[in-house]
Amino acid sequence: MVLGHEYAGIVEDRGAGAADFQEGDHVGVDPNISCGVCFYCPTRPCASLYKPAGPGVDIDGGMAQFSIVPVNQLYRLPSGMSPERSAFVEPVSCAIHGIDKAGIKPGIRS
């Protein structure tokens, strides 16, 4: 298995269900593939998380020359964003989500 679960890339080819993306689009990859149908999916981590597969965890990931990713796991990024910065989109979003969930706000400490 090829490692790499926090990555970004450029669309080289797309399947029939990927009409919103074009070849050449810069994309970030959400590696947390869930089932999309269970009770937990809309509100919190899926009960069957990774059962389909997680890139870089269960299936080949971002260190491969090419990676096949479900279209609903892709997020369009600005075309001028460097690949090095693009790879940080997923881990930074996790940190921001944690800050939001914890209710951390800027201001004076008590």
PDB file of N, CA and C in Angstrom:
ATOM      1  N   MET A   1       0.838  -1.173   0.000  1.00  0.00           N
ATOM      2  CA  MET A   1       0.000   0.000   0.000  1.00  0.00           C
ATOM      3  C   MET A   1       0.888   1.243   0.000  1.00  0.00           C
ATOM      4  N   VAL A   2       0.470   2.249  -0.749  1.00  0.00           N
ATOM      5  CA  VAL A   2       1.185   3.511  -0.814  1.00  0.00           C
ATOM      6  C   VAL A   2       0.622   4.446   0.256  1.00  0.00           C
ATOM      7  N   LEU A   3       1.500   5.022   1.057  1.00  0.00           N
ATOM      8  CA  LEU A   3       1.082   5.911   2.142  1.00  0.00           C
ATOM      9  C   LEU A   3       0.662   7.281   1.618  1.00  0.00           C
ATOM     10  N   GLY A   4       0.218   8.141   2.536  1.00  0.00           N
ATOM     11  CA  GLY A   4      -0.129   9.524   2.219  1.00  0.00           C
ATOM     12  C   GLY A   4      -1.608   9.795   2.361  1.00  0.00           C
ATOM     13  N   HIS A   5      -2.035  10.260   3.561  1.00  0.00           N
ATOM     14  CA  HIS A   5      -3.462  10.514   3.747  1.00  0.00           C
ATOM     15  C   HIS A   5      -3.790  12.006   3.850  1.00  0.00           C
ATOM     16  N   GLU A   6      -2.820  12.876   3.889  1.00  0.00           N
ATOM     17  CA  GLU A   6      -3.053  14.319   3.873  1.00  0.00           C
ATOM     18  C   GLU A   6      -2.385  14.847   2.619  1.00  0.00           C
ATOM     19  N   TYR A   7      -3.193  15.042   1.570  1.00  0.00           N
ATOM     20  CA  TYR A   7      -2.586  15.417   0.300  1.00  0.00           C
ATOM     21  C   TYR A   7      -3.545  16.187  -0.587  1.00  0.00           C
ATOM     22  N   ALA A   8      -2.975  16.752  -1.610  1.00  0.00           N
ATOM     23  CA  ALA A   8      -3.720  17.487  -2.629  1.00  0.00           C
ATOM     24  C   ALA A   8      -3.164  17.054  -3.977  1.00  0.00           C
ATOM     25  N   GLY A   9      -3.855  17.423  -5.027  1.00  0.00           N
ATOM     26  CA  GLY A   9      -3.379  17.026  -6.341  1.00  0.00           C
ATOM     27  C   GLY A   9      -4.049  17.808  -7.452  1.00  0.00           C
ATOM     28  N   ILE A  10      -3.832  17.347  -8.647  1.00  0.00           N
ATOM     29  CA  ILE A  10      -4.406  17.954  -9.843  1.00  0.00           C
ATOM     30  C   ILE A  10      -5.194  16.866 -10.567  1.00  0.00           C
ATOM     31  N   VAL A  11      -6.422  17.170 -10.947  1.00  0.00           N
ATOM     32  CA  VAL A  11      -7.265  16.198 -11.645  1.00  0.00           C
ATOM     33  C   VAL A  11      -6.636  15.900 -13.009  1.00  0.00           C
ATOM     34  N   GLU A  12      -6.315  14.631 -13.219  1.00  0.00           N
ATOM     35  CA  GLU A  12      -5.735  14.176 -14.484  1.00  0.00           C
ATOM     36  C   GLU A  12      -6.792  13.580 -15.391  1.00  0.00           C
ATOM     37  N   ASP A  13      -7.752  12.911 -14.785  1.00  0.00           N
ATOM     38  CA  ASP A  13      -8.826  12.254 -15.525  1.00  0.00           C
ATOM     39  C   ASP A  13     -10.000  12.174 -14.564  1.00  0.00           C
ATOM     40  N   ARG A  14     -11.211  12.103 -15.085  1.00  0.00           N
ATOM     41  CA  ARG A  14     -12.364  12.067 -14.202  1.00  0.00           C
ATOM     42  C   ARG A  14     -13.387  11.068 -14.713  1.00  0.00           C
ATOM     43  N   GLY A  15     -14.123  10.519 -13.773  1.00  0.00           N
ATOM     44  CA  GLY A  15     -15.181   9.594 -14.128  1.00  0.00           C
ATOM     45  C   GLY A  15     -16.445  10.337 -14.521  1.00  0.00           C
ATOM     46  N   ALA A  16     -17.441   9.584 -14.935  1.00  0.00           N
ATOM     47  CA  ALA A  16     -18.694  10.169 -15.412  1.00  0.00           C
ATOM     48  C   ALA A  16     -19.412  10.976 -14.336  1.00  0.00           C
ATOM     49  N   GLY A  17     -19.255  10.609 -13.066  1.00  0.00           N
ATOM     50  CA  GLY A  17     -19.945  11.308 -11.986  1.00  0.00           C
ATOM     51  C   GLY A  17     -19.235  12.548 -11.488  1.00  0.00           C
ATOM     52  N   ALA A  18     -18.179  12.951 -12.156  1.00  0.00           N
ATOM     53  CA  ALA A  18     -17.369  14.084 -11.681  1.00  0.00           C
ATOM     54  C   ALA A  18     -17.527  15.310 -12.567  1.00  0.00           C
ATOM     55  N   ALA A  19     -18.758  15.617 -12.937  1.00  0.00           N
ATOM     56  CA  ALA A  19     -19.015  16.721 -13.868  1.00  0.00           C
ATOM     57  C   ALA A  19     -18.580  18.080 -13.322  1.00  0.00           C
ATOM     58  N   ASP A  20     -18.516  18.230 -11.994  1.00  0.00           N
ATOM     59  CA  ASP A  20     -18.139  19.513 -11.401  1.00  0.00           C
ATOM     60  C   ASP A  20     -16.637  19.777 -11.464  1.00  0.00           C
ATOM     61  N   PHE A  21     -15.862  18.788 -11.855  1.00  0.00           N
ATOM     62  CA  PHE A  21     -14.413  18.937 -11.929  1.00  0.00           C
ATOM     63  C   PHE A  21     -13.941  18.763 -13.364  1.00  0.00           C
ATOM     64  N   GLN A  22     -12.882  19.467 -13.687  1.00  0.00           N
ATOM     65  CA  GLN A  22     -12.274  19.373 -15.011  1.00  0.00           C
ATOM     66  C   GLN A  22     -10.823  18.936 -14.864  1.00  0.00           C
ATOM     67  N   GLU A  23     -10.270  18.344 -15.902  1.00  0.00           N
ATOM     68  CA  GLU A  23      -8.853  18.025 -15.889  1.00  0.00           C
ATOM     69  C   GLU A  23      -8.077  19.317 -15.683  1.00  0.00           C
ATOM     70  N   GLY A  24      -7.090  19.270 -14.807  1.00  0.00           N
ATOM     71  CA  GLY A  24      -6.287  20.445 -14.500  1.00  0.00           C
ATOM     72  C   GLY A  24      -6.711  21.162 -13.234  1.00  0.00           C
ATOM     73  N   ASP A  25      -7.900  20.831 -12.688  1.00  0.00           N
ATOM     74  CA  ASP A  25      -8.340  21.450 -11.436  1.00  0.00           C
ATOM     75  C   ASP A  25      -7.421  21.027 -10.292  1.00  0.00           C
ATOM     76  N   HIS A  26      -7.081  21.976  -9.435  1.00  0.00           N
ATOM     77  CA  HIS A  26      -6.323  21.682  -8.219  1.00  0.00           C
ATOM     78  C   HIS A  26      -7.327  21.296  -7.144  1.00  0.00           C
ATOM     79  N   VAL A  27      -7.070  20.194  -6.445  1.00  0.00           N
ATOM     80  CA  VAL A  27      -8.014  19.693  -5.454  1.00  0.00           C
ATOM     81  C   VAL A  27      -7.316  19.275  -4.166  1.00  0.00           C
ATOM     82  N   GLY A  28      -8.022  19.452  -3.060  1.00  0.00           N
ATOM     83  CA  GLY A  28      -7.626  18.887  -1.778  1.00  0.00           C
ATOM     84  C   GLY A  28      -8.434  17.619  -1.581  1.00  0.00           C
ATOM     85  N   VAL A  29      -7.875  16.667  -0.845  1.00  0.00           N
ATOM     86  CA  VAL A  29      -8.519  15.374  -0.635  1.00  0.00           C
ATOM     87  C   VAL A  29      -8.904  15.217   0.826  1.00  0.00           C
ATOM     88  N   ASP A  30     -10.175  14.920   1.072  1.00  0.00           N
ATOM     89  CA  ASP A  30     -10.634  14.558   2.418  1.00  0.00           C
ATOM     90  C   ASP A  30     -10.453  13.049   2.543  1.00  0.00           C
ATOM     91  N   PRO A  31      -9.530  12.588   3.415  1.00  0.00           N
ATOM     92  CA  PRO A  31      -9.260  11.159   3.486  1.00  0.00           C
ATOM     93  C   PRO A  31     -10.238  10.378   4.353  1.00  0.00           C
ATOM     94  N   ASN A  32     -11.213  11.054   4.959  1.00  0.00           N
ATOM     95  CA  ASN A  32     -12.149  10.394   5.877  1.00  0.00           C
ATOM     96  C   ASN A  32     -13.399   9.947   5.138  1.00  0.00           C
ATOM     97  N   ILE A  33     -13.273   8.866   4.416  1.00  0.00           N
ATOM     98  CA  ILE A  33     -14.388   8.359   3.618  1.00  0.00           C
ATOM     99  C   ILE A  33     -15.357   7.627   4.542  1.00  0.00           C
ATOM    100  N   SER A  34     -16.605   8.065   4.531  1.00  0.00           N
ATOM    101  CA  SER A  34     -17.629   7.431   5.351  1.00  0.00           C
ATOM    102  C   SER A  34     -18.693   6.831   4.451  1.00  0.00           C
ATOM    103  N   CYS A  35     -19.637   6.128   5.060  1.00  0.00           N
ATOM    104  CA  CYS A  35     -20.642   5.422   4.264  1.00  0.00           C
ATOM    105  C   CYS A  35     -21.669   6.379   3.662  1.00  0.00           C
ATOM    106  N   GLY A  36     -21.946   7.509   4.322  1.00  0.00           N
ATOM    107  CA  GLY A  36     -22.898   8.484   3.806  1.00  0.00           C
ATOM    108  C   GLY A  36     -24.354   8.155   4.044  1.00  0.00           C
ATOM    109  N   VAL A  37     -24.661   7.024   4.678  1.00  0.00           N
ATOM    110  CA  VAL A  37     -26.055   6.644   4.878  1.00  0.00           C
ATOM    111  C   VAL A  37     -26.423   6.347   6.326  1.00  0.00           C
ATOM    112  N   CYS A  38     -25.462   6.102   7.185  1.00  0.00           N
ATOM    113  CA  CYS A  38     -25.804   5.730   8.558  1.00  0.00           C
ATOM    114  C   CYS A  38     -26.275   6.945   9.363  1.00  0.00           C
ATOM    115  N   PHE A  39     -26.856   6.697  10.508  1.00  0.00           N
ATOM    116  CA  PHE A  39     -27.376   7.735  11.396  1.00  0.00           C
ATOM    117  C   PHE A  39     -26.309   8.763  11.755  1.00  0.00           C
ATOM    118  N   TYR A  40     -25.069   8.331  11.921  1.00  0.00           N
ATOM    119  CA  TYR A  40     -24.009   9.213  12.398  1.00  0.00           C
ATOM    120  C   TYR A  40     -23.436  10.139  11.334  1.00  0.00           C
ATOM    121  N   CYS A  41     -23.512   9.771  10.080  1.00  0.00           N
ATOM    122  CA  CYS A  41     -22.848  10.536   9.021  1.00  0.00           C
ATOM    123  C   CYS A  41     -23.165  12.035   9.011  1.00  0.00           C
ATOM    124  N   PRO A  42     -24.428  12.480   9.139  1.00  0.00           N
ATOM    125  CA  PRO A  42     -24.672  13.923   9.076  1.00  0.00           C
ATOM    126  C   PRO A  42     -24.221  14.690  10.312  1.00  0.00           C
ATOM    127  N   THR A  43     -24.037  14.023  11.443  1.00  0.00           N
ATOM    128  CA  THR A  43     -23.828  14.747  12.700  1.00  0.00           C
ATOM    129  C   THR A  43     -22.459  14.573  13.337  1.00  0.00           C
ATOM    130  N   ARG A  44     -21.808  13.477  13.112  1.00  0.00           N
ATOM    131  CA  ARG A  44     -20.513  13.205  13.751  1.00  0.00           C
ATOM    132  C   ARG A  44     -19.826  12.084  12.977  1.00  0.00           C
ATOM    133  N   PRO A  45     -18.624  11.672  13.413  1.00  0.00           N
ATOM    134  CA  PRO A  45     -17.932  10.635  12.632  1.00  0.00           C
ATOM    135  C   PRO A  45     -18.797   9.396  12.400  1.00  0.00           C
ATOM    136  N   CYS A  46     -18.734   8.916  11.197  1.00  0.00           N
ATOM    137  CA  CYS A  46     -19.504   7.754  10.764  1.00  0.00           C
ATOM    138  C   CYS A  46     -19.154   6.529  11.604  1.00  0.00           C
ATOM    139  N   ALA A  47     -20.190   5.743  11.919  1.00  0.00           N
ATOM    140  CA  ALA A  47     -19.979   4.520  12.674  1.00  0.00           C
ATOM    141  C   ALA A  47     -19.174   3.504  11.877  1.00  0.00           C
ATOM    142  N   SER A  48     -19.231   3.599  10.555  1.00  0.00           N
ATOM    143  CA  SER A  48     -18.500   2.654   9.715  1.00  0.00           C
ATOM    144  C   SER A  48     -17.322   3.337   9.023  1.00  0.00           C
ATOM    145  N   LEU A  49     -16.755   4.377   9.661  1.00  0.00           N
ATOM    146  CA  LEU A  49     -15.655   5.125   9.081  1.00  0.00           C
ATOM    147  C   LEU A  49     -14.551   4.188   8.597  1.00  0.00           C
ATOM    148  N   TYR A  50     -14.059   4.448   7.420  1.00  0.00           N
ATOM    149  CA  TYR A  50     -12.993   3.689   6.764  1.00  0.00           C
ATOM    150  C   TYR A  50     -13.444   2.329   6.258  1.00  0.00           C
ATOM    151  N   LYS A  51     -14.698   1.955   6.429  1.00  0.00           N
ATOM    152  CA  LYS A  51     -15.113   0.668   5.876  1.00  0.00           C
ATOM    153  C   LYS A  51     -15.014   0.673   4.361  1.00  0.00           C
ATOM    154  N   PRO A  52     -15.447   1.780   3.680  1.00  0.00           N
ATOM    155  CA  PRO A  52     -15.168   1.769   2.244  1.00  0.00           C
ATOM    156  C   PRO A  52     -13.657   1.762   2.020  1.00  0.00           C
ATOM    157  N   ALA A  53     -12.932   2.685   2.611  1.00  0.00           N
ATOM    158  CA  ALA A  53     -11.472   2.739   2.572  1.00  0.00           C
ATOM    159  C   ALA A  53     -11.005   4.159   2.821  1.00  0.00           C
ATOM    160  N   GLY A  54      -9.846   4.298   3.400  1.00  0.00           N
ATOM    161  CA  GLY A  54      -9.248   5.605   3.616  1.00  0.00           C
ATOM    162  C   GLY A  54      -7.942   5.692   2.846  1.00  0.00           C
ATOM    163  N   PRO A  55      -7.808   6.685   1.944  1.00  0.00           N
ATOM    164  CA  PRO A  55      -6.555   6.825   1.195  1.00  0.00           C
ATOM    165  C   PRO A  55      -5.357   6.967   2.132  1.00  0.00           C
ATOM    166  N   GLY A  56      -4.333   6.212   1.880  1.00  0.00           N
ATOM    167  CA  GLY A  56      -3.130   6.235   2.696  1.00  0.00           C
ATOM    168  C   GLY A  56      -3.244   5.430   3.972  1.00  0.00           C
ATOM    169  N   VAL A  57      -4.443   4.869   4.228  1.00  0.00           N
ATOM    170  CA  VAL A  57      -4.671   4.049   5.417  1.00  0.00           C
ATOM    171  C   VAL A  57      -5.051   2.629   4.993  1.00  0.00           C
ATOM    172  N   ASP A  58      -6.064   2.544   4.145  1.00  0.00           N
ATOM    173  CA  ASP A  58      -6.546   1.243   3.672  1.00  0.00           C
ATOM    174  C   ASP A  58      -6.315   1.015   2.183  1.00  0.00           C
ATOM    175  N   ILE A  59      -6.227   2.101   1.436  1.00  0.00           N
ATOM    176  CA  ILE A  59      -5.977   2.020  -0.006  1.00  0.00           C
ATOM    177  C   ILE A  59      -4.825   2.973  -0.337  1.00  0.00           C
ATOM    178  N   ASP A  60      -4.283   2.852  -1.532  1.00  0.00           N
ATOM    179  CA  ASP A  60      -3.154   3.699  -1.923  1.00  0.00           C
ATOM    180  C   ASP A  60      -3.503   5.170  -1.756  1.00  0.00           C
ATOM    181  N   GLY A  61      -2.543   5.926  -1.227  1.00  0.00           N
ATOM    182  CA  GLY A  61      -2.764   7.329  -0.917  1.00  0.00           C
ATOM    183  C   GLY A  61      -1.950   8.270  -1.770  1.00  0.00           C
ATOM    184  N   GLY A  62      -1.684   9.436  -1.197  1.00  0.00           N
ATOM    185  CA  GLY A  62      -1.109  10.557  -1.922  1.00  0.00           C
ATOM    186  C   GLY A  62       0.337  10.436  -2.328  1.00  0.00           C
ATOM    187  N   MET A  63       1.063   9.463  -1.826  1.00  0.00           N
ATOM    188  CA  MET A  63       2.446   9.301  -2.261  1.00  0.00           C
ATOM    189  C   MET A  63       2.549   8.476  -3.541  1.00  0.00           C
ATOM    190  N   ALA A  64       1.407   8.062  -4.058  1.00  0.00           N
ATOM    191  CA  ALA A  64       1.374   7.362  -5.343  1.00  0.00           C
ATOM    192  C   ALA A  64       1.442   8.400  -6.461  1.00  0.00           C
ATOM    193  N   GLN A  65       1.861   7.994  -7.638  1.00  0.00           N
ATOM    194  CA  GLN A  65       1.891   8.925  -8.766  1.00  0.00           C
ATOM    195  C   GLN A  65       0.475   9.381  -9.117  1.00  0.00           C
ATOM    196  N   PHE A  66      -0.482   8.461  -9.027  1.00  0.00           N
ATOM    197  CA  PHE A  66      -1.884   8.772  -9.291  1.00  0.00           C
ATOM    198  C   PHE A  66      -2.722   8.183  -8.164  1.00  0.00           C
ATOM    199  N   SER A  67      -3.856   8.796  -7.896  1.00  0.00           N
ATOM    200  CA  SER A  67      -4.739   8.342  -6.831  1.00  0.00           C
ATOM    201  C   SER A  67      -6.178   8.431  -7.316  1.00  0.00           C
ATOM    202  N   ILE A  68      -6.951   7.379  -7.093  1.00  0.00           N
ATOM    203  CA  ILE A  68      -8.373   7.389  -7.432  1.00  0.00           C
ATOM    204  C   ILE A  68      -9.129   7.714  -6.149  1.00  0.00           C
ATOM    205  N   VAL A  69      -9.925   8.796  -6.209  1.00  0.00           N
ATOM    206  CA  VAL A  69     -10.622   9.293  -5.024  1.00  0.00           C
ATOM    207  C   VAL A  69     -12.085   9.536  -5.378  1.00  0.00           C
ATOM    208  N   PRO A  70     -13.027   9.153  -4.496  1.00  0.00           N
ATOM    209  CA  PRO A  70     -14.435   9.466  -4.757  1.00  0.00           C
ATOM    210  C   PRO A  70     -14.624  10.979  -4.896  1.00  0.00           C
ATOM    211  N   VAL A  71     -15.450  11.394  -5.834  1.00  0.00           N
ATOM    212  CA  VAL A  71     -15.625  12.815  -6.137  1.00  0.00           C
ATOM    213  C   VAL A  71     -16.103  13.607  -4.920  1.00  0.00           C
ATOM    214  N   ASN A  72     -16.904  12.994  -4.041  1.00  0.00           N
ATOM    215  CA  ASN A  72     -17.388  13.728  -2.876  1.00  0.00           C
ATOM    216  C   ASN A  72     -16.306  13.922  -1.811  1.00  0.00           C
ATOM    217  N   GLN A  73     -15.113  13.427  -2.054  1.00  0.00           N
ATOM    218  CA  GLN A  73     -13.988  13.626  -1.132  1.00  0.00           C
ATOM    219  C   GLN A  73     -13.052  14.722  -1.639  1.00  0.00           C
ATOM    220  N   LEU A  74     -13.391  15.358  -2.754  1.00  0.00           N
ATOM    221  CA  LEU A  74     -12.530  16.375  -3.356  1.00  0.00           C
ATOM    222  C   LEU A  74     -13.061  17.785  -3.108  1.00  0.00           C
ATOM    223  N   TYR A  75     -12.134  18.719  -2.917  1.00  0.00           N
ATOM    224  CA  TYR A  75     -12.468  20.133  -2.744  1.00  0.00           C
ATOM    225  C   TYR A  75     -11.588  20.947  -3.674  1.00  0.00           C
ATOM    226  N   ARG A  76     -12.231  21.773  -4.505  1.00  0.00           N
ATOM    227  CA  ARG A  76     -11.481  22.589  -5.463  1.00  0.00           C
ATOM    228  C   ARG A  76     -10.662  23.626  -4.703  1.00  0.00           C
ATOM    229  N   LEU A  77      -9.409  23.773  -5.115  1.00  0.00           N
ATOM    230  CA  LEU A  77      -8.493  24.742  -4.520  1.00  0.00           C
ATOM    231  C   LEU A  77      -8.101  25.770  -5.576  1.00  0.00           C
ATOM    232  N   PRO A  78      -7.626  26.942  -5.146  1.00  0.00           N
ATOM    233  CA  PRO A  78      -7.167  27.935  -6.130  1.00  0.00           C
ATOM    234  C   PRO A  78      -6.030  27.368  -6.974  1.00  0.00           C
ATOM    235  N   SER A  79      -6.068  27.600  -8.273  1.00  0.00           N
ATOM    236  CA  SER A  79      -5.062  27.026  -9.169  1.00  0.00           C
ATOM    237  C   SER A  79      -3.657  27.551  -8.876  1.00  0.00           C
ATOM    238  N   GLY A  80      -3.544  28.722  -8.283  1.00  0.00           N
ATOM    239  CA  GLY A  80      -2.228  29.271  -7.976  1.00  0.00           C
ATOM    240  C   GLY A  80      -1.637  28.792  -6.658  1.00  0.00           C
ATOM    241  N   MET A  81      -2.392  28.012  -5.894  1.00  0.00           N
ATOM    242  CA  MET A  81      -1.906  27.527  -4.597  1.00  0.00           C
ATOM    243  C   MET A  81      -0.866  26.438  -4.827  1.00  0.00           C
ATOM    244  N   SER A  82       0.268  26.568  -4.165  1.00  0.00           N
ATOM    245  CA  SER A  82       1.350  25.594  -4.368  1.00  0.00           C
ATOM    246  C   SER A  82       0.948  24.227  -3.819  1.00  0.00           C
ATOM    247  N   PRO A  83       1.499  23.148  -4.380  1.00  0.00           N
ATOM    248  CA  PRO A  83       1.196  21.808  -3.860  1.00  0.00           C
ATOM    249  C   PRO A  83       1.584  21.662  -2.389  1.00  0.00           C
ATOM    250  N   GLU A  84       2.670  22.314  -1.986  1.00  0.00           N
ATOM    251  CA  GLU A  84       3.112  22.215  -0.592  1.00  0.00           C
ATOM    252  C   GLU A  84       2.075  22.824   0.352  1.00  0.00           C
ATOM    253  N   ARG A  85       1.525  23.977  -0.012  1.00  0.00           N
ATOM    254  CA  ARG A  85       0.495  24.607   0.822  1.00  0.00           C
ATOM    255  C   ARG A  85      -0.827  23.848   0.734  1.00  0.00           C
ATOM    256  N   SER A  86      -1.138  23.355  -0.438  1.00  0.00           N
ATOM    257  CA  SER A  86      -2.399  22.635  -0.633  1.00  0.00           C
ATOM    258  C   SER A  86      -2.501  21.412   0.262  1.00  0.00           C
ATOM    259  N   ALA A  87      -1.397  20.745   0.518  1.00  0.00           N
ATOM    260  CA  ALA A  87      -1.395  19.547   1.352  1.00  0.00           C
ATOM    261  C   ALA A  87      -1.777  19.862   2.796  1.00  0.00           C
ATOM    262  N   PHE A  88      -1.685  21.122   3.199  1.00  0.00           N
ATOM    263  CA  PHE A  88      -2.029  21.500   4.566  1.00  0.00           C
ATOM    264  C   PHE A  88      -3.508  21.821   4.747  1.00  0.00           C
ATOM    265  N   VAL A  89      -4.294  21.843   3.679  1.00  0.00           N
ATOM    266  CA  VAL A  89      -5.712  22.185   3.787  1.00  0.00           C
ATOM    267  C   VAL A  89      -6.430  21.232   4.742  1.00  0.00           C
ATOM    268  N   GLU A  90      -6.247  19.937   4.587  1.00  0.00           N
ATOM    269  CA  GLU A  90      -6.956  18.968   5.429  1.00  0.00           C
ATOM    270  C   GLU A  90      -6.512  19.038   6.885  1.00  0.00           C
ATOM    271  N   PRO A  91      -5.221  19.000   7.223  1.00  0.00           N
ATOM    272  CA  PRO A  91      -4.865  19.055   8.644  1.00  0.00           C
ATOM    273  C   PRO A  91      -5.219  20.388   9.311  1.00  0.00           C
ATOM    274  N   VAL A  92      -5.109  21.498   8.586  1.00  0.00           N
ATOM    275  CA  VAL A  92      -5.484  22.790   9.168  1.00  0.00           C
ATOM    276  C   VAL A  92      -6.990  22.834   9.405  1.00  0.00           C
ATOM    277  N   SER A  93      -7.779  22.275   8.482  1.00  0.00           N
ATOM    278  CA  SER A  93      -9.234  22.273   8.688  1.00  0.00           C
ATOM    279  C   SER A  93      -9.607  21.444   9.920  1.00  0.00           C
ATOM    280  N   CYS A  94      -8.869  20.375  10.191  1.00  0.00           N
ATOM    281  CA  CYS A  94      -9.117  19.578  11.402  1.00  0.00           C
ATOM    282  C   CYS A  94      -8.842  20.409  12.658  1.00  0.00           C
ATOM    283  N   ALA A  95      -7.748  21.166  12.639  1.00  0.00           N
ATOM    284  CA  ALA A  95      -7.412  22.008  13.787  1.00  0.00           C
ATOM    285  C   ALA A  95      -8.458  23.101  13.986  1.00  0.00           C
ATOM    286  N   ILE A  96      -8.893  23.739  12.911  1.00  0.00           N
ATOM    287  CA  ILE A  96      -9.913  24.794  13.006  1.00  0.00           C
ATOM    288  C   ILE A  96     -11.234  24.217  13.513  1.00  0.00           C
ATOM    289  N   HIS A  97     -11.595  23.029  13.048  1.00  0.00           N
ATOM    290  CA  HIS A  97     -12.818  22.384  13.522  1.00  0.00           C
ATOM    291  C   HIS A  97     -12.730  22.131  15.029  1.00  0.00           C
ATOM    292  N   GLY A  98     -11.584  21.667  15.503  1.00  0.00           N
ATOM    293  CA  GLY A  98     -11.391  21.436  16.938  1.00  0.00           C
ATOM    294  C   GLY A  98     -11.519  22.721  17.740  1.00  0.00           C
ATOM    295  N   ILE A  99     -10.958  23.799  17.233  1.00  0.00           N
ATOM    296  CA  ILE A  99     -11.061  25.104  17.900  1.00  0.00           C
ATOM    297  C   ILE A  99     -12.530  25.535  17.961  1.00  0.00           C
ATOM    298  N   ASP A 100     -13.254  25.370  16.857  1.00  0.00           N
ATOM    299  CA  ASP A 100     -14.677  25.719  16.835  1.00  0.00           C
ATOM    300  C   ASP A 100     -15.473  24.875  17.829  1.00  0.00           C
ATOM    301  N   LYS A 101     -15.230  23.559  17.848  1.00  0.00           N
ATOM    302  CA  LYS A 101     -15.957  22.667  18.761  1.00  0.00           C
ATOM    303  C   LYS A 101     -15.666  22.986  20.217  1.00  0.00           C
ATOM    304  N   ALA A 102     -14.434  23.422  20.513  1.00  0.00           N
ATOM    305  CA  ALA A 102     -14.044  23.753  21.888  1.00  0.00           C
ATOM    306  C   ALA A 102     -14.535  25.134  22.310  1.00  0.00           C
ATOM    307  N   GLY A 103     -15.033  25.913  21.363  1.00  0.00           N
ATOM    308  CA  GLY A 103     -15.534  27.249  21.674  1.00  0.00           C
ATOM    309  C   GLY A 103     -14.434  28.245  21.977  1.00  0.00           C
ATOM    310  N   ILE A 104     -13.234  27.997  21.473  1.00  0.00           N
ATOM    311  CA  ILE A 104     -12.117  28.912  21.714  1.00  0.00           C
ATOM    312  C   ILE A 104     -12.327  30.176  20.895  1.00  0.00           C
ATOM    313  N   LYS A 105     -12.224  31.318  21.553  1.00  0.00           N
ATOM    314  CA  LYS A 105     -12.418  32.611  20.901  1.00  0.00           C
ATOM    315  C   LYS A 105     -11.211  33.502  21.199  1.00  0.00           C
ATOM    316  N   PRO A 106     -10.891  34.433  20.276  1.00  0.00           N
ATOM    317  CA  PRO A 106      -9.799  35.367  20.567  1.00  0.00           C
ATOM    318  C   PRO A 106     -10.215  36.316  21.690  1.00  0.00           C
ATOM    319  N   GLY A 107      -9.235  36.737  22.457  1.00  0.00           N
ATOM    320  CA  GLY A 107      -9.536  37.682  23.528  1.00  0.00           C
ATOM    321  C   GLY A 107      -8.599  37.492  24.702  1.00  0.00           C
ATOM    322  N   ILE A 108      -8.991  38.085  25.799  1.00  0.00           N
ATOM    323  CA  ILE A 108      -8.177  38.062  27.021  1.00  0.00           C
ATOM    324  C   ILE A 108      -8.445  36.762  27.771  1.00  0.00           C
ATOM    325  N   ARG A 109      -7.352  36.159  28.247  1.00  0.00           N
ATOM    326  CA  ARG A 109      -7.485  34.941  29.062  1.00  0.00           C
ATOM    327  C   ARG A 109      -7.962  35.327  30.442  1.00  0.00           C
ATOM    328  N   SER A 110      -8.736  34.458  31.048  1.00  0.00           N
ATOM    329  CA  SER A 110      -9.203  34.741  32.408  1.00  0.00           C
ATOM    330  C   SER A 110      -8.395  33.974  33.429  1.00  0.00           C
TER     331      SER A 110
END
